[in-house]
Amino acid sequence: MVLPKGEYKVQHTREGENHVMVFSQLHTSEPATALVKCRLVPLKVKAPATQLLYDHNEANRHVLQELIFCGGYRKARFLSPPSWGTGHGSAITMRPKTS
């Protein structure tokens, strides 16, 4: 699945036994949305910062492999990783959660 570059709201949810991350694009008239299955992997310590771990595929697209939320004790490892656009730099931007 390929999503356009942009700023996304990312939420964790469950569908039965499956963990799913929901990516919802912000600030666009036709927002992209994707549901991506993941496996939650325990961290040894509380995450000090939000981290996005990417790889690149044959088409030079950023492929998101793992996502760690600041303050969390688990990381999401994607089973069918989403990818974004081509080129250099971050493919997505995540806004910190505000109260």
Protein backbone atom coordinates (compact mmCIF):
# COMPACT_ATOMS: atom_id res chain seq x y z
CA MET A 1 0.00 0.00 0.00
CA VAL A 2 1.37 3.40 -0.97
CA LEU A 3 0.26 6.55 0.83
CA PRO A 4 0.98 10.15 -0.20
CA LYS A 5 3.59 12.10 1.74
CA GLY A 6 2.07 14.32 4.40
CA GLU A 7 1.09 14.75 8.02
CA TYR A 8 -0.86 11.86 9.54
CA LYS A 9 -2.83 11.14 12.68
CA VAL A 10 -1.93 7.61 13.80
CA GLN A 11 -4.13 5.61 16.17
CA HIS A 12 -3.85 2.10 17.54
CA THR A 13 -6.96 -0.07 17.53
CA ARG A 14 -7.87 -3.75 17.55
CA GLU A 15 -9.96 -5.85 15.23
CA GLY A 16 -10.59 -9.00 17.22
CA GLU A 17 -7.16 -10.47 17.98
CA ASN A 18 -5.40 -8.23 15.41
CA HIS A 19 -3.64 -5.01 16.33
CA VAL A 20 -4.11 -2.30 13.70
CA MET A 21 -2.62 1.16 13.22
CA VAL A 22 -4.95 3.61 11.48
CA PHE A 23 -3.17 6.28 9.41
CA SER A 24 -5.37 9.31 8.58
CA GLN A 25 -3.89 12.08 6.45
CA LEU A 26 -4.38 15.63 7.73
CA HIS A 27 -4.65 19.03 6.01
CA THR A 28 -5.90 17.89 2.60
CA SER A 29 -9.24 17.99 0.82
CA GLU A 30 -9.04 14.28 -0.11
CA PRO A 31 -7.33 12.59 2.87
CA ALA A 32 -5.78 9.16 2.52
CA THR A 33 -6.61 6.57 5.19
CA ALA A 34 -5.01 3.19 5.74
CA LEU A 35 -5.45 0.38 8.24
CA VAL A 36 -2.21 -1.55 8.73
CA LYS A 37 -1.91 -4.73 10.79
CA CYS A 38 0.96 -4.80 13.26
CA ARG A 39 2.46 -6.83 16.05
CA LEU A 40 3.24 -5.09 19.34
CA VAL A 41 6.74 -5.83 20.61
CA PRO A 42 7.73 -5.01 24.23
CA LEU A 43 10.48 -2.44 24.83
CA LYS A 44 12.94 -2.86 27.72
CA VAL A 45 12.46 0.75 28.80
CA LYS A 46 9.92 3.53 28.27
CA ALA A 47 10.46 5.20 24.87
CA PRO A 48 12.06 8.64 25.34
CA ALA A 49 10.87 9.88 21.92
CA THR A 50 8.61 8.98 19.01
CA GLN A 51 10.54 7.07 16.37
CA LEU A 52 9.74 5.99 12.82
CA LEU A 53 12.01 3.25 11.46
CA TYR A 54 12.11 3.09 7.65
CA ASP A 55 13.62 0.90 4.98
CA HIS A 56 13.54 1.47 1.21
CA ASN A 57 12.10 -0.84 -1.43
CA GLU A 58 13.19 -1.42 -5.04
CA ALA A 59 11.17 1.62 -6.18
CA ASN A 60 13.05 3.84 -3.67
CA ARG A 61 9.89 4.29 -1.60
CA HIS A 62 10.12 4.83 2.15
CA VAL A 63 8.70 1.70 3.80
CA LEU A 64 7.70 2.11 7.44
CA GLN A 65 8.86 -0.98 9.36
CA GLU A 66 8.32 0.06 12.99
CA LEU A 67 6.70 2.84 14.95
CA ILE A 68 7.46 3.76 18.56
CA PHE A 69 5.36 6.31 20.44
CA CYS A 70 7.03 8.54 23.02
CA GLY A 71 6.26 7.30 26.54
CA GLY A 72 5.22 3.85 25.34
CA TYR A 73 6.52 0.46 26.43
CA ARG A 74 5.85 -1.29 23.09
CA LYS A 75 6.66 -0.72 19.44
CA ALA A 76 4.46 -1.53 16.48
CA ARG A 77 6.12 -3.80 13.91
CA PHE A 78 4.13 -3.74 10.68
CA LEU A 79 3.09 -7.00 9.01
CA SER A 80 2.35 -5.33 5.63
CA PRO A 81 4.34 -2.10 5.90
CA PRO A 82 2.94 1.06 4.29
CA SER A 83 5.19 3.05 1.97
CA TRP A 84 5.31 6.70 0.92
CA GLY A 85 6.43 8.50 -2.22
CA THR A 86 10.01 8.70 -3.44
CA GLY A 87 13.06 10.76 -2.70
CA HIS A 88 14.80 11.87 0.46
CA GLY A 89 13.64 13.09 3.84
CA SER A 90 10.81 11.98 6.06
CA ALA A 91 7.82 10.56 4.31
CA ILE A 92 5.36 11.35 7.06
CA THR A 93 5.15 13.82 9.89
CA MET A 94 3.51 12.94 13.19
CA ARG A 95 2.15 15.61 15.46
CA PRO A 96 2.58 15.02 19.21
CA LYS A 97 -0.64 14.27 21.07
CA THR A 98 -2.00 17.30 22.90
CA SER A 99 -4.41 17.33 25.81
